Amino acid sequence: LMSAHISNLRRIESPLAEFICGIADYSIRSNSRRGFSGAPMHDPLAAAIGIDPTIGKYEALCLDVEIRGKKRGRVFVKKGRPNTLFCKSADVDKFFKLFLGVLTRLARCGGNSITGE
């Protein structure tokens, strides 16, 4: 997420729009101090794919998670019957259209209804 992505939200006069822009600005500044540009969108992307799976391109893999030792929590690919659809890539434009569309509708209605009604 870059500052340009939220430019339309800045024009909406609502407490929720101000709050969303504040969070985005903080995340962008925080990442900039660590040498990264923009803000990561891992969780919003996962939610968007849940809403519209066509955002992603997938590969069926057999994944497992290490549950002991120093590598606990590490996800790895192993041989076997696929148990996971792994998202290899995402349509960035389609994701941002959905993500920013939802945020804009919420900001306009004050967060009371995603449809803005």
Protein backbone atom coordinates (compact mmCIF):
# COMPACT_ATOMS: atom_id res chain seq x y z
CA LEU A 1 0.00 0.00 0.00
CA MET A 2 1.39 3.36 -1.01
CA SER A 3 0.20 6.87 -0.16
CA ALA A 4 -1.24 7.23 -3.67
CA HIS A 5 -3.57 4.28 -3.01
CA ILE A 6 -5.39 6.17 -0.26
CA SER A 7 -5.59 9.56 -1.99
CA ASN A 8 -9.34 9.15 -2.62
CA LEU A 9 -9.92 8.20 1.02
CA ARG A 10 -8.27 11.47 2.11
CA ARG A 11 -11.07 13.37 0.34
CA ILE A 12 -13.80 11.68 2.39
CA GLU A 13 -14.75 13.67 5.46
CA SER A 14 -15.51 11.05 8.07
CA PRO A 15 -13.85 9.87 11.27
CA LEU A 16 -13.42 6.40 9.78
CA ALA A 17 -11.66 7.75 6.66
CA GLU A 18 -9.35 9.77 8.90
CA PHE A 19 -8.66 6.68 11.02
CA ILE A 20 -7.92 4.46 7.98
CA CYS A 21 -5.58 7.08 6.50
CA GLY A 22 -3.82 7.48 9.85
CA ILE A 23 -3.17 3.74 10.09
CA ALA A 24 -1.95 3.62 6.49
CA ASP A 25 0.33 6.64 6.98
CA TYR A 26 1.81 5.17 10.16
CA SER A 27 2.49 1.82 8.49
CA ILE A 28 4.05 3.44 5.43
CA ARG A 29 6.32 5.67 7.60
CA SER A 30 7.26 2.77 9.87
CA ASN A 31 8.25 0.59 6.93
CA SER A 32 10.15 3.46 5.33
CA ARG A 33 12.35 3.77 8.43
CA ARG A 34 13.28 0.10 7.95
CA GLY A 35 14.14 0.58 4.29
CA PHE A 36 10.88 -0.66 2.75
CA SER A 37 8.48 1.26 0.57
CA GLY A 38 4.77 1.12 1.26
CA ALA A 39 2.89 -1.06 3.72
CA PRO A 40 2.55 -4.84 3.50
CA MET A 41 -0.86 -6.18 2.54
CA HIS A 42 -0.53 -9.85 3.59
CA ASP A 43 -3.67 -10.07 5.73
CA PRO A 44 -5.88 -7.89 3.50
CA LEU A 45 -4.77 -9.97 0.50
CA ALA A 46 -5.68 -13.20 2.28
CA ALA A 47 -9.12 -11.78 3.14
CA ALA A 48 -9.60 -10.52 -0.44
CA ILE A 49 -8.76 -13.95 -1.85
CA GLY A 50 -11.38 -15.39 0.49
CA ILE A 51 -13.91 -13.02 -1.07
CA ASP A 52 -12.70 -13.35 -4.66
CA PRO A 53 -10.44 -16.37 -5.32
CA THR A 54 -9.83 -15.21 -8.91
CA ILE A 55 -7.40 -12.63 -7.49
CA GLY A 56 -4.82 -15.39 -7.03
CA LYS A 57 -3.03 -18.03 -9.09
CA TYR A 58 -2.57 -21.26 -7.16
CA GLU A 59 -0.53 -24.44 -6.99
CA ALA A 60 -1.62 -27.56 -5.11
CA LEU A 61 1.14 -28.51 -2.65
CA CYS A 62 1.65 -30.79 0.31
CA LEU A 63 2.66 -28.41 3.12
CA ASP A 64 3.57 -29.19 6.70
CA VAL A 65 4.56 -27.11 9.72
CA GLU A 66 7.48 -27.87 12.03
CA ILE A 67 6.09 -28.08 15.56
CA ARG A 68 9.29 -28.66 17.57
CA GLY A 69 12.80 -27.30 17.91
CA LYS A 70 14.48 -24.18 16.64
CA LYS A 71 12.58 -24.30 13.34
CA ARG A 72 9.17 -24.46 15.04
CA GLY A 73 6.57 -22.67 12.95
CA ARG A 74 8.50 -23.12 9.68
CA VAL A 75 6.28 -24.17 6.80
CA PHE A 76 7.82 -26.57 4.30
CA VAL A 77 6.85 -28.49 1.19
CA LYS A 78 7.00 -32.25 1.48
CA LYS A 79 6.21 -35.17 -0.79
CA GLY A 80 2.71 -36.46 -0.62
CA ARG A 81 -0.84 -35.77 -1.63
CA PRO A 82 -1.50 -32.02 -1.87
CA ASN A 83 -3.25 -30.63 1.20
CA THR A 84 -3.08 -26.91 0.39
CA LEU A 85 -3.72 -24.51 -2.43
CA PHE A 86 -0.70 -22.21 -2.31
CA CYS A 87 -1.18 -18.76 -3.80
CA LYS A 88 1.83 -18.20 -6.08
CA SER A 89 0.85 -14.79 -7.39
CA ALA A 90 -1.90 -12.22 -7.19
CA ASP A 91 -3.54 -9.76 -9.54
CA VAL A 92 -2.44 -6.59 -7.76
CA ASP A 93 -4.81 -4.27 -9.63
CA LYS A 94 -7.80 -6.51 -8.94
CA PHE A 95 -6.82 -6.76 -5.26
CA PHE A 96 -6.52 -2.99 -4.80
CA LYS A 97 -9.78 -2.36 -6.65
CA LEU A 98 -11.60 -4.65 -4.18
CA PHE A 99 -9.67 -3.55 -1.08
CA LEU A 100 -9.89 0.19 -1.69
CA GLY A 101 -13.49 -0.09 -2.87
CA VAL A 102 -14.51 -1.71 0.42
CA LEU A 103 -12.55 0.84 2.49
CA THR A 104 -14.08 3.72 0.53
CA ARG A 105 -17.64 2.44 0.99
CA LEU A 106 -17.02 1.91 4.70
CA ALA A 107 -15.50 5.37 5.14
CA ARG A 108 -18.41 7.04 3.35
CA CYS A 109 -21.03 5.34 5.52
CA GLY A 110 -19.12 5.72 8.77
CA GLY A 111 -18.55 1.97 9.06
CA ASN A 112 -22.23 1.19 9.61
CA SER A 113 -22.80 -0.81 6.44
CA ILE A 114 -20.41 -2.14 3.81
CA THR A 115 -22.98 -1.35 1.12
CA GLY A 116 -23.09 2.31 2.18
CA GLU A 117 -26.88 2.21 2.59
